Amino acid sequence: MTDLQPPFRRARVDDAAALSALIDRAGEGIPRCVWSMSARPGQDPLEIGALRAARVEGGFSFLNAVVLETHNEVAGMVLSYRLDDPYDFGDLSLVPSFIRPMIELESEAAGSWYVNAVAVDPKAEGHGYGRTLMTIAERLGSDDGANEISLIVSAGNDRAIGLYSRLGYLERSRRRAIPAPGMPDHGDWILMFKVL
């Protein structure tokens, strides 16, 4: 089991609100858009995200997250876990159209250790924390016996693509992004892999 040293630690259920905000940052606002579909009138979609992060089941669970804690606050996180193999699409007609291309790419990564999201608060950027969080995810995947690690990134996110490329990730596949309501066009979604 991967040992974590401060400022990194396993997420706790009381980190759910911070995880919600960070996954929304990593997802460039798409998670908030999805959560808004479940929100009651006047309810903050990030509250829905926090409730989901507090669950013990599903990929987006605090149990699958490692956080960066600085000044007694969660300032970053990586959310990673093993994708099912075989990967069950479910009924894609029940999924918002803008999510479908990502689900299709995830299915191509079946059985890999999957980095669902990595994010660092702007106040904590520039210290190599994103690189360290990715290294932690790789160690977790190796500990789990995965042969590969995968992630999906927007073709327009040059900074993230640059980091992943420097870490040895290669493009495997891509799908045309469908813009979420009120969101910018992300171009393509790119599936990247690295052998562990």
N, C-alpha and C. Protein backbone atom coordinates (compact mmCIF):
# COMPACT_ATOMS: atom_id res chain seq x y z
N MET A 1 0.84 -1.18 0.00
CA MET A 1 0.00 0.00 0.00
C MET A 1 0.88 1.25 0.00
N THR A 2 0.55 2.18 -0.84
CA THR A 2 1.33 3.41 -0.98
C THR A 2 1.29 4.22 0.30
N ASP A 3 2.48 4.52 0.83
CA ASP A 3 2.58 5.39 2.00
C ASP A 3 2.55 6.83 1.52
N LEU A 4 1.82 7.66 2.22
CA LEU A 4 1.72 9.07 1.88
C LEU A 4 2.37 9.90 2.97
N GLN A 5 3.12 10.89 2.55
CA GLN A 5 3.79 11.79 3.48
C GLN A 5 3.16 13.17 3.35
N PRO A 6 3.05 13.90 4.48
CA PRO A 6 2.54 15.27 4.39
C PRO A 6 3.33 16.06 3.37
N PRO A 7 2.66 16.89 2.60
CA PRO A 7 1.30 17.40 2.77
C PRO A 7 0.22 16.58 2.08
N PHE A 8 0.50 15.30 1.73
CA PHE A 8 -0.47 14.45 1.05
C PHE A 8 -1.05 13.44 2.03
N ARG A 9 -2.34 13.16 1.87
CA ARG A 9 -3.01 12.17 2.72
C ARG A 9 -4.23 11.63 2.00
N ARG A 10 -4.73 10.51 2.48
CA ARG A 10 -5.98 9.97 1.97
C ARG A 10 -7.11 10.95 2.32
N ALA A 11 -8.06 11.08 1.41
CA ALA A 11 -9.20 11.95 1.68
C ALA A 11 -10.09 11.34 2.75
N ARG A 12 -10.79 12.21 3.46
CA ARG A 12 -11.77 11.80 4.47
C ARG A 12 -13.14 12.30 4.04
N VAL A 13 -14.17 11.77 4.64
CA VAL A 13 -15.53 12.17 4.27
C VAL A 13 -15.74 13.67 4.49
N ASP A 14 -15.07 14.25 5.48
CA ASP A 14 -15.25 15.68 5.72
C ASP A 14 -14.53 16.55 4.69
N ASP A 15 -13.85 15.94 3.74
CA ASP A 15 -13.23 16.66 2.63
C ASP A 15 -14.18 16.79 1.44
N ALA A 16 -15.40 16.28 1.56
CA ALA A 16 -16.30 16.18 0.40
C ALA A 16 -16.54 17.51 -0.30
N ALA A 17 -16.74 18.59 0.45
CA ALA A 17 -17.00 19.89 -0.19
C ALA A 17 -15.78 20.36 -0.98
N ALA A 18 -14.60 20.18 -0.42
CA ALA A 18 -13.37 20.57 -1.13
C ALA A 18 -13.17 19.70 -2.36
N LEU A 19 -13.46 18.41 -2.26
CA LEU A 19 -13.34 17.52 -3.42
C LEU A 19 -14.30 17.95 -4.52
N SER A 20 -15.50 18.34 -4.15
CA SER A 20 -16.48 18.79 -5.13
C SER A 20 -15.95 20.00 -5.91
N ALA A 21 -15.42 20.97 -5.21
CA ALA A 21 -14.89 22.18 -5.87
C ALA A 21 -13.69 21.84 -6.75
N LEU A 22 -12.82 20.96 -6.28
CA LEU A 22 -11.62 20.62 -7.05
C LEU A 22 -11.95 19.78 -8.27
N ILE A 23 -12.90 18.86 -8.16
CA ILE A 23 -13.24 18.07 -9.35
C ILE A 23 -13.93 18.96 -10.38
N ASP A 24 -14.67 19.95 -9.92
CA ASP A 24 -15.28 20.89 -10.86
C ASP A 24 -14.19 21.70 -11.57
N ARG A 25 -13.16 22.08 -10.82
CA ARG A 25 -12.03 22.80 -11.43
C ARG A 25 -11.33 21.91 -12.46
N ALA A 26 -11.08 20.66 -12.10
CA ALA A 26 -10.42 19.73 -13.02
C ALA A 26 -11.27 19.50 -14.26
N GLY A 27 -12.57 19.42 -14.08
CA GLY A 27 -13.49 19.15 -15.18
C GLY A 27 -13.93 20.39 -15.93
N GLU A 28 -13.28 21.51 -15.65
CA GLU A 28 -13.53 22.77 -16.36
C GLU A 28 -15.01 23.15 -16.35
N GLY A 29 -15.69 22.90 -15.21
CA GLY A 29 -17.08 23.30 -15.05
C GLY A 29 -18.10 22.27 -15.48
N ILE A 30 -17.67 21.21 -16.14
CA ILE A 30 -18.62 20.20 -16.60
C ILE A 30 -19.27 19.47 -15.42
N PRO A 31 -18.52 19.10 -14.36
CA PRO A 31 -19.21 18.47 -13.22
C PRO A 31 -20.34 19.35 -12.67
N ARG A 32 -20.10 20.66 -12.52
CA ARG A 32 -21.14 21.56 -12.01
C ARG A 32 -22.37 21.51 -12.91
N CYS A 33 -22.14 21.46 -14.21
CA CYS A 33 -23.24 21.39 -15.17
C CYS A 33 -24.06 20.11 -14.95
N VAL A 34 -23.37 18.99 -14.77
CA VAL A 34 -24.06 17.72 -14.52
C VAL A 34 -24.83 17.78 -13.20
N TRP A 35 -24.17 18.27 -12.17
CA TRP A 35 -24.83 18.33 -10.85
C TRP A 35 -26.01 19.27 -10.85
N SER A 36 -25.98 20.31 -11.67
CA SER A 36 -27.10 21.26 -11.70
C SER A 36 -28.38 20.59 -12.18
N MET A 37 -28.24 19.50 -12.94
CA MET A 37 -29.41 18.77 -13.43
C MET A 37 -30.14 18.06 -12.29
N SER A 38 -29.43 17.80 -11.18
CA SER A 38 -30.03 17.13 -10.03
C SER A 38 -30.38 18.10 -8.90
N ALA A 39 -29.95 19.33 -9.02
CA ALA A 39 -30.14 20.30 -7.93
C ALA A 39 -31.58 20.78 -7.85
N ARG A 40 -32.03 21.01 -6.63
CA ARG A 40 -33.33 21.64 -6.41
C ARG A 40 -33.22 23.12 -6.74
N PRO A 41 -34.33 23.79 -7.01
CA PRO A 41 -34.25 25.23 -7.27
C PRO A 41 -33.54 25.96 -6.12
N GLY A 42 -32.55 26.75 -6.49
CA GLY A 42 -31.79 27.51 -5.49
C GLY A 42 -30.66 26.74 -4.84
N GLN A 43 -30.55 25.45 -5.12
CA GLN A 43 -29.49 24.64 -4.51
C GLN A 43 -28.21 24.78 -5.32
N ASP A 44 -27.10 24.97 -4.63
CA ASP A 44 -25.80 25.07 -5.28
C ASP A 44 -25.41 23.69 -5.83
N PRO A 45 -25.11 23.59 -7.13
CA PRO A 45 -24.71 22.30 -7.69
C PRO A 45 -23.50 21.69 -6.98
N LEU A 46 -22.60 22.53 -6.43
CA LEU A 46 -21.45 21.98 -5.72
C LEU A 46 -21.88 21.20 -4.47
N GLU A 47 -23.06 21.52 -3.93
CA GLU A 47 -23.60 20.75 -2.80
C GLU A 47 -23.93 19.33 -3.24
N ILE A 48 -24.48 19.19 -4.46
CA ILE A 48 -24.75 17.86 -5.01
C ILE A 48 -23.43 17.11 -5.16
N GLY A 49 -22.41 17.81 -5.69
CA GLY A 49 -21.09 17.19 -5.83
C GLY A 49 -20.53 16.73 -4.50
N ALA A 50 -20.70 17.54 -3.47
CA ALA A 50 -20.20 17.16 -2.14
C ALA A 50 -20.93 15.93 -1.61
N LEU A 51 -22.24 15.85 -1.83
CA LEU A 51 -22.99 14.67 -1.40
C LEU A 51 -22.49 13.42 -2.12
N ARG A 52 -22.16 13.55 -3.40
CA ARG A 52 -21.65 12.42 -4.16
C ARG A 52 -20.25 12.04 -3.69
N ALA A 53 -19.43 13.03 -3.41
CA ALA A 53 -18.08 12.75 -2.93
C ALA A 53 -18.08 12.07 -1.57
N ALA A 54 -19.12 12.31 -0.78
CA ALA A 54 -19.21 11.72 0.56
C ALA A 54 -19.67 10.27 0.54
N ARG A 55 -20.08 9.78 -0.62
CA ARG A 55 -20.54 8.38 -0.73
C ARG A 55 -19.35 7.42 -0.60
N VAL A 56 -19.67 6.18 -0.29
CA VAL A 56 -18.62 5.16 -0.23
C VAL A 56 -18.65 4.26 -1.47
N GLU A 57 -19.60 4.50 -2.37
CA GLU A 57 -19.66 3.72 -3.61
C GLU A 57 -19.45 4.65 -4.80
N GLY A 58 -19.11 4.04 -5.93
CA GLY A 58 -18.92 4.80 -7.16
C GLY A 58 -17.51 5.36 -7.27
N GLY A 59 -17.15 5.76 -8.48
CA GLY A 59 -15.82 6.30 -8.71
C GLY A 59 -15.58 7.61 -7.99
N PHE A 60 -16.56 8.52 -8.04
CA PHE A 60 -16.39 9.82 -7.37
C PHE A 60 -16.78 9.66 -5.91
N SER A 61 -15.84 9.13 -5.15
CA SER A 61 -15.99 8.92 -3.71
C SER A 61 -14.71 9.37 -3.04
N PHE A 62 -14.83 9.91 -1.86
CA PHE A 62 -13.65 10.31 -1.09
C PHE A 62 -12.69 9.15 -0.91
N LEU A 63 -13.22 7.91 -0.94
CA LEU A 63 -12.37 6.74 -0.75
C LEU A 63 -11.35 6.57 -1.87
N ASN A 64 -11.60 7.19 -3.03
CA ASN A 64 -10.71 7.08 -4.18
C ASN A 64 -9.82 8.30 -4.35
N ALA A 65 -9.79 9.17 -3.38
CA ALA A 65 -9.06 10.42 -3.51
C ALA A 65 -7.89 10.53 -2.54
N VAL A 66 -6.84 11.16 -3.03
CA VAL A 66 -5.71 11.59 -2.21
C VAL A 66 -5.70 13.10 -2.30
N VAL A 67 -5.52 13.75 -1.15
CA VAL A 67 -5.56 15.21 -1.13
C VAL A 67 -4.21 15.80 -0.74
N LEU A 68 -4.02 17.01 -1.20
CA LEU A 68 -2.91 17.86 -0.80
C LEU A 68 -3.48 18.82 0.24
N GLU A 69 -2.85 18.86 1.41
CA GLU A 69 -3.33 19.75 2.47
C GLU A 69 -2.23 20.76 2.82
N THR A 70 -2.52 22.03 2.62
CA THR A 70 -1.59 23.09 3.00
C THR A 70 -2.33 24.09 3.87
N HIS A 71 -1.66 24.56 4.91
CA HIS A 71 -2.25 25.54 5.84
C HIS A 71 -3.60 25.05 6.37
N ASN A 72 -3.69 23.74 6.66
CA ASN A 72 -4.88 23.10 7.20
C ASN A 72 -6.09 23.18 6.27
N GLU A 73 -5.84 23.32 4.96
CA GLU A 73 -6.92 23.33 3.97
C GLU A 73 -6.56 22.39 2.83
N VAL A 74 -7.58 21.76 2.27
CA VAL A 74 -7.38 20.92 1.09
C VAL A 74 -7.11 21.85 -0.09
N ALA A 75 -5.94 21.70 -0.70
CA ALA A 75 -5.52 22.59 -1.78
C ALA A 75 -5.28 21.84 -3.09
N GLY A 76 -5.57 20.56 -3.11
CA GLY A 76 -5.40 19.78 -4.32
C GLY A 76 -5.88 18.36 -4.09
N MET A 77 -6.03 17.63 -5.18
CA MET A 77 -6.47 16.24 -5.07
C MET A 77 -6.23 15.51 -6.36
N VAL A 78 -6.13 14.19 -6.24
CA VAL A 78 -6.18 13.29 -7.39
C VAL A 78 -7.22 12.23 -7.04
N LEU A 79 -8.10 11.98 -7.99
CA LEU A 79 -9.16 10.99 -7.85
C LEU A 79 -8.86 9.89 -8.87
N SER A 80 -8.54 8.68 -8.38
CA SER A 80 -8.15 7.60 -9.28
C SER A 80 -8.62 6.26 -8.75
N TYR A 81 -8.85 5.34 -9.70
CA TYR A 81 -9.38 4.02 -9.35
C TYR A 81 -9.28 3.11 -10.58
N ARG A 82 -9.50 1.83 -10.36
CA ARG A 82 -9.45 0.84 -11.46
C ARG A 82 -10.78 0.87 -12.20
N LEU A 83 -10.72 0.97 -13.54
CA LEU A 83 -11.92 0.87 -14.36
C LEU A 83 -12.30 -0.60 -14.51
N ASP A 84 -13.61 -0.85 -14.52
CA ASP A 84 -14.10 -2.21 -14.69
C ASP A 84 -13.65 -2.78 -16.04
N ASP A 85 -13.44 -4.08 -16.06
CA ASP A 85 -13.13 -4.78 -17.30
C ASP A 85 -13.87 -6.12 -17.26
N PRO A 86 -14.88 -6.31 -18.08
CA PRO A 86 -15.33 -5.41 -19.14
C PRO A 86 -16.03 -4.18 -18.57
N TYR A 87 -15.99 -3.14 -19.36
CA TYR A 87 -16.59 -1.86 -19.00
C TYR A 87 -18.04 -1.85 -19.49
N ASP A 88 -18.97 -1.56 -18.58
CA ASP A 88 -20.39 -1.56 -18.92
C ASP A 88 -20.82 -0.13 -19.24
N PHE A 89 -21.13 0.11 -20.51
CA PHE A 89 -21.62 1.43 -20.93
C PHE A 89 -22.91 1.82 -20.21
N GLY A 90 -23.75 0.82 -19.94
CA GLY A 90 -25.09 1.14 -19.51
C GLY A 90 -25.87 1.65 -20.72
N ASP A 91 -26.97 2.29 -20.47
CA ASP A 91 -27.80 2.84 -21.53
C ASP A 91 -27.37 4.28 -21.78
N LEU A 92 -26.58 4.49 -22.84
CA LEU A 92 -26.06 5.83 -23.12
C LEU A 92 -27.16 6.84 -23.43
N SER A 93 -28.34 6.37 -23.80
CA SER A 93 -29.43 7.32 -24.08
C SER A 93 -29.89 8.02 -22.80
N LEU A 94 -29.56 7.45 -21.65
CA LEU A 94 -29.94 8.05 -20.36
C LEU A 94 -28.90 9.04 -19.85
N VAL A 95 -27.78 9.14 -20.57
CA VAL A 95 -26.66 10.00 -20.15
C VAL A 95 -26.69 11.28 -20.98
N PRO A 96 -26.44 12.43 -20.37
CA PRO A 96 -26.39 13.66 -21.17
C PRO A 96 -25.42 13.50 -22.34
N SER A 97 -25.80 14.03 -23.50
CA SER A 97 -25.02 13.82 -24.72
C SER A 97 -23.58 14.29 -24.57
N PHE A 98 -23.34 15.35 -23.79
CA PHE A 98 -21.97 15.87 -23.67
C PHE A 98 -21.07 14.98 -22.83
N ILE A 99 -21.63 14.01 -22.13
CA ILE A 99 -20.85 13.06 -21.32
C ILE A 99 -20.51 11.81 -22.14
N ARG A 100 -21.29 11.50 -23.14
CA ARG A 100 -21.12 10.24 -23.89
C ARG A 100 -19.73 10.05 -24.47
N PRO A 101 -19.12 11.07 -25.11
CA PRO A 101 -17.77 10.82 -25.66
C PRO A 101 -16.76 10.40 -24.60
N MET A 102 -16.90 10.93 -23.38
CA MET A 102 -15.97 10.56 -22.31
C MET A 102 -16.22 9.13 -21.86
N ILE A 103 -17.47 8.71 -21.80
CA ILE A 103 -17.79 7.33 -21.43
C ILE A 103 -17.24 6.37 -22.48
N GLU A 104 -17.37 6.75 -23.75
CA GLU A 104 -16.83 5.90 -24.82
C GLU A 104 -15.31 5.76 -24.68
N LEU A 105 -14.63 6.85 -24.35
CA LEU A 105 -13.18 6.77 -24.16
C LEU A 105 -12.83 5.95 -22.92
N GLU A 106 -13.57 6.12 -21.85
CA GLU A 106 -13.33 5.30 -20.65
C GLU A 106 -13.42 3.82 -20.99
N SER A 107 -14.38 3.46 -21.84
CA SER A 107 -14.55 2.04 -22.18
C SER A 107 -13.31 1.50 -22.89
N GLU A 108 -12.59 2.36 -23.61
CA GLU A 108 -11.36 1.93 -24.28
C GLU A 108 -10.22 1.73 -23.28
N ALA A 109 -10.41 2.22 -22.07
CA ALA A 109 -9.39 2.10 -21.03
C ALA A 109 -9.76 1.03 -19.99
N ALA A 110 -10.70 0.17 -20.32
CA ALA A 110 -11.16 -0.85 -19.38
C ALA A 110 -9.99 -1.59 -18.75
N GLY A 111 -10.06 -1.76 -17.44
CA GLY A 111 -9.03 -2.49 -16.71
C GLY A 111 -7.84 -1.67 -16.29
N SER A 112 -7.71 -0.47 -16.81
CA SER A 112 -6.57 0.38 -16.44
C SER A 112 -6.86 1.10 -15.12
N TRP A 113 -5.80 1.63 -14.51
CA TRP A 113 -5.95 2.53 -13.38
C TRP A 113 -6.29 3.88 -13.99
N TYR A 114 -7.38 4.49 -13.58
CA TYR A 114 -7.92 5.67 -14.25
C TYR A 114 -7.82 6.90 -13.36
N VAL A 115 -7.18 7.93 -13.87
CA VAL A 115 -7.14 9.22 -13.18
C VAL A 115 -8.36 9.99 -13.64
N ASN A 116 -9.39 9.99 -12.82
CA ASN A 116 -10.62 10.69 -13.15
C ASN A 116 -10.41 12.20 -13.12
N ALA A 117 -9.63 12.67 -12.16
CA ALA A 117 -9.40 14.11 -12.04
C ALA A 117 -8.17 14.37 -11.19
N VAL A 118 -7.46 15.42 -11.55
CA VAL A 118 -6.37 15.94 -10.73
C VAL A 118 -6.47 17.45 -10.79
N ALA A 119 -6.38 18.09 -9.64
CA ALA A 119 -6.50 19.54 -9.59
C ALA A 119 -5.73 20.09 -8.40
N VAL A 120 -5.20 21.28 -8.59
CA VAL A 120 -4.52 22.01 -7.52
C VAL A 120 -5.11 23.41 -7.49
N ASP A 121 -5.42 23.88 -6.30
CA ASP A 121 -5.93 25.24 -6.15
C ASP A 121 -4.92 26.24 -6.69
N PRO A 122 -5.38 27.30 -7.35
CA PRO A 122 -4.43 28.28 -7.91
C PRO A 122 -3.41 28.81 -6.90
N LYS A 123 -3.80 28.93 -5.63
CA LYS A 123 -2.88 29.45 -4.61
C LYS A 123 -1.73 28.48 -4.33
N ALA A 124 -1.89 27.21 -4.70
CA ALA A 124 -0.86 26.20 -4.43
C ALA A 124 -0.11 25.78 -5.70
N GLU A 125 -0.41 26.41 -6.82
CA GLU A 125 0.26 26.05 -8.07
C GLU A 125 1.72 26.51 -8.06
N GLY A 126 2.50 25.86 -8.91
CA GLY A 126 3.89 26.26 -9.08
C GLY A 126 4.87 25.59 -8.14
N HIS A 127 4.42 24.58 -7.41
CA HIS A 127 5.28 23.87 -6.46
C HIS A 127 5.49 22.41 -6.83
N GLY A 128 5.00 22.00 -8.00
CA GLY A 128 5.14 20.60 -8.43
C GLY A 128 4.12 19.66 -7.82
N TYR A 129 3.08 20.21 -7.20
CA TYR A 129 2.09 19.35 -6.55
C TYR A 129 1.31 18.50 -7.55
N GLY A 130 0.98 19.06 -8.72
CA GLY A 130 0.26 18.29 -9.73
C GLY A 130 1.06 17.08 -10.17
N ARG A 131 2.34 17.27 -10.40
CA ARG A 131 3.23 16.17 -10.79
C ARG A 131 3.27 15.12 -9.67
N THR A 132 3.37 15.57 -8.42
CA THR A 132 3.43 14.62 -7.30
C THR A 132 2.12 13.86 -7.17
N LEU A 133 0.99 14.53 -7.35
CA LEU A 133 -0.30 13.84 -7.28
C LEU A 133 -0.41 12.78 -8.38
N MET A 134 0.10 13.08 -9.57
CA MET A 134 0.09 12.09 -10.65
C MET A 134 0.99 10.90 -10.29
N THR A 135 2.13 11.17 -9.69
CA THR A 135 3.04 10.09 -9.28
C THR A 135 2.37 9.21 -8.23
N ILE A 136 1.64 9.84 -7.31
CA ILE A 136 0.90 9.07 -6.29
C ILE A 136 -0.13 8.16 -6.98
N ALA A 137 -0.87 8.71 -7.95
CA ALA A 137 -1.86 7.89 -8.67
C ALA A 137 -1.19 6.71 -9.36
N GLU A 138 -0.02 6.93 -9.94
CA GLU A 138 0.70 5.84 -10.60
C GLU A 138 1.10 4.77 -9.60
N ARG A 139 1.56 5.19 -8.43
CA ARG A 139 1.93 4.20 -7.40
C ARG A 139 0.70 3.42 -6.93
N LEU A 140 -0.44 4.11 -6.79
CA LEU A 140 -1.66 3.42 -6.38
C LEU A 140 -2.06 2.38 -7.43
N GLY A 141 -1.94 2.75 -8.71
CA GLY A 141 -2.25 1.80 -9.78
C GLY A 141 -1.33 0.60 -9.77
N SER A 142 -0.03 0.85 -9.57
CA SER A 142 0.94 -0.26 -9.48
C SER A 142 0.62 -1.15 -8.30
N ASP A 143 0.31 -0.54 -7.16
CA ASP A 143 -0.04 -1.32 -5.96
C ASP A 143 -1.25 -2.21 -6.22
N ASP A 144 -2.17 -1.73 -7.07
CA ASP A 144 -3.39 -2.48 -7.38
C ASP A 144 -3.15 -3.54 -8.46
N GLY A 145 -1.96 -3.57 -9.05
CA GLY A 145 -1.65 -4.55 -10.07
C GLY A 145 -2.02 -4.14 -11.49
N ALA A 146 -2.36 -2.87 -11.69
CA ALA A 146 -2.71 -2.40 -13.03
C ALA A 146 -1.45 -2.33 -13.90
N ASN A 147 -1.60 -2.65 -15.17
CA ASN A 147 -0.49 -2.58 -16.12
C ASN A 147 -0.38 -1.21 -16.78
N GLU A 148 -1.49 -0.48 -16.79
CA GLU A 148 -1.53 0.83 -17.44
C GLU A 148 -2.31 1.80 -16.58
N ILE A 149 -2.02 3.08 -16.78
CA ILE A 149 -2.78 4.15 -16.16
C ILE A 149 -3.31 5.01 -17.30
N SER A 150 -4.52 5.52 -17.15
CA SER A 150 -5.15 6.29 -18.21
C SER A 150 -5.79 7.55 -17.65
N LEU A 151 -6.08 8.47 -18.54
CA LEU A 151 -6.78 9.71 -18.19
C LEU A 151 -7.38 10.29 -19.46
N ILE A 152 -8.33 11.20 -19.28
CA ILE A 152 -8.94 11.91 -20.39
C ILE A 152 -8.71 13.39 -20.16
N VAL A 153 -8.30 14.09 -21.23
CA VAL A 153 -7.99 15.51 -21.12
C VAL A 153 -8.56 16.23 -22.34
N SER A 154 -8.93 17.48 -22.15
CA SER A 154 -9.40 18.31 -23.25
C SER A 154 -8.23 18.67 -24.15
N ALA A 155 -8.44 18.59 -25.47
CA ALA A 155 -7.39 18.94 -26.42
C ALA A 155 -6.97 20.40 -26.26
N GLY A 156 -7.84 21.22 -25.70
CA GLY A 156 -7.51 22.63 -25.50
C GLY A 156 -6.73 22.92 -24.24
N ASN A 157 -6.50 21.92 -23.41
CA ASN A 157 -5.80 22.13 -22.15
C ASN A 157 -4.31 21.85 -22.35
N ASP A 158 -3.63 22.79 -23.01
CA ASP A 158 -2.21 22.60 -23.34
C ASP A 158 -1.35 22.38 -22.12
N ARG A 159 -1.65 23.07 -21.04
CA ARG A 159 -0.83 22.94 -19.83
C ARG A 159 -0.88 21.51 -19.28
N ALA A 160 -2.09 20.95 -19.18
CA ALA A 160 -2.23 19.58 -18.67
C ALA A 160 -1.61 18.58 -19.63
N ILE A 161 -1.85 18.75 -20.92
CA ILE A 161 -1.27 17.83 -21.90
C ILE A 161 0.25 17.86 -21.83
N GLY A 162 0.81 19.06 -21.64
CA GLY A 162 2.25 19.17 -21.50
C GLY A 162 2.77 18.40 -20.30
N LEU A 163 2.08 18.53 -19.15
CA LEU A 163 2.48 17.79 -17.95
C LEU A 163 2.40 16.29 -18.20
N TYR A 164 1.28 15.83 -18.73
CA TYR A 164 1.11 14.40 -18.94
C TYR A 164 2.14 13.86 -19.92
N SER A 165 2.43 14.61 -20.96
CA SER A 165 3.43 14.18 -21.94
C SER A 165 4.81 14.08 -21.30
N ARG A 166 5.17 15.06 -20.47
CA ARG A 166 6.47 15.01 -19.77
C ARG A 166 6.55 13.82 -18.83
N LEU A 167 5.40 13.38 -18.32
CA LEU A 167 5.36 12.23 -17.42
C LEU A 167 5.32 10.90 -18.18
N GLY A 168 5.30 10.95 -19.51
CA GLY A 168 5.34 9.72 -20.30
C GLY A 168 4.02 9.22 -20.82
N TYR A 169 2.96 10.02 -20.71
CA TYR A 169 1.66 9.61 -21.23
C TYR A 169 1.61 9.86 -22.73
N LEU A 170 0.96 8.94 -23.44
CA LEU A 170 0.82 9.02 -24.89
C LEU A 170 -0.65 8.98 -25.27
N GLU A 171 -0.98 9.68 -26.34
CA GLU A 171 -2.36 9.65 -26.83
C GLU A 171 -2.69 8.29 -27.41
N ARG A 172 -3.85 7.78 -27.04
CA ARG A 172 -4.31 6.50 -27.59
C ARG A 172 -5.53 6.69 -28.48
N SER A 173 -6.41 7.62 -28.11
CA SER A 173 -7.66 7.77 -28.86
C SER A 173 -8.23 9.15 -28.56
N ARG A 174 -9.19 9.57 -29.38
CA ARG A 174 -9.87 10.83 -29.11
C ARG A 174 -11.29 10.77 -29.65
N ARG A 175 -12.13 11.62 -29.07
CA ARG A 175 -13.52 11.76 -29.50
C ARG A 175 -13.84 13.25 -29.55
N ARG A 176 -14.69 13.61 -30.48
CA ARG A 176 -15.14 14.99 -30.58
C ARG A 176 -15.98 15.32 -29.36
N ALA A 177 -15.66 16.41 -28.69
CA ALA A 177 -16.42 16.84 -27.52
C ALA A 177 -17.75 17.45 -27.98
N ILE A 178 -18.77 17.21 -27.21
CA ILE A 178 -20.07 17.85 -27.42
C ILE A 178 -20.19 18.90 -26.33
N PRO A 179 -20.33 20.18 -26.68
CA PRO A 179 -20.38 21.21 -25.63
C PRO A 179 -21.54 21.01 -24.67
N ALA A 180 -21.26 21.15 -23.39
CA ALA A 180 -22.29 21.11 -22.37
C ALA A 180 -23.07 22.42 -22.43
N PRO A 181 -24.31 22.43 -21.97
CA PRO A 181 -25.10 23.66 -22.01
C PRO A 181 -24.38 24.81 -21.30
N GLY A 182 -24.22 25.91 -22.02
CA GLY A 182 -23.59 27.09 -21.44
C GLY A 182 -22.08 27.00 -21.28
N MET A 183 -21.47 25.95 -21.80
CA MET A 183 -20.04 25.74 -21.65
C MET A 183 -19.34 25.93 -22.99
N PRO A 184 -18.05 26.26 -22.96
CA PRO A 184 -17.31 26.41 -24.22
C PRO A 184 -17.07 25.05 -24.88
N ASP A 185 -16.77 25.10 -26.16
CA ASP A 185 -16.43 23.89 -26.91
C ASP A 185 -15.01 23.47 -26.50
N HIS A 186 -14.85 22.23 -26.07
CA HIS A 186 -13.55 21.73 -25.65
C HIS A 186 -12.77 21.08 -26.80
N GLY A 187 -13.30 21.14 -28.02
CA GLY A 187 -12.61 20.52 -29.15
C GLY A 187 -12.76 19.02 -29.10
N ASP A 188 -11.69 18.32 -28.82
CA ASP A 188 -11.72 16.87 -28.67
C ASP A 188 -11.39 16.50 -27.23
N TRP A 189 -11.88 15.33 -26.82
CA TRP A 189 -11.40 14.70 -25.60
C TRP A 189 -10.34 13.71 -26.01
N ILE A 190 -9.22 13.71 -25.32
CA ILE A 190 -8.10 12.83 -25.64
C ILE A 190 -7.90 11.81 -24.53
N LEU A 191 -7.84 10.54 -24.90
CA LEU A 191 -7.51 9.47 -23.96
C LEU A 191 -6.01 9.26 -24.02
N MET A 192 -5.35 9.39 -22.87
CA MET A 192 -3.90 9.20 -22.78
C MET A 192 -3.61 8.03 -21.85
N PHE A 193 -2.54 7.29 -22.16
CA PHE A 193 -2.14 6.11 -21.41
C PHE A 193 -0.66 6.17 -21.06
N LYS A 194 -0.30 5.44 -20.02
CA LYS A 194 1.10 5.22 -19.68
C LYS A 194 1.21 3.80 -19.16
N VAL A 195 2.25 3.10 -19.55
CA VAL A 195 2.50 1.75 -19.04
C VAL A 195 3.10 1.88 -17.65
N LEU A 196 2.59 1.08 -16.72
CA LEU A 196 3.10 1.11 -15.35
C LEU A 196 4.14 0.01 -15.16
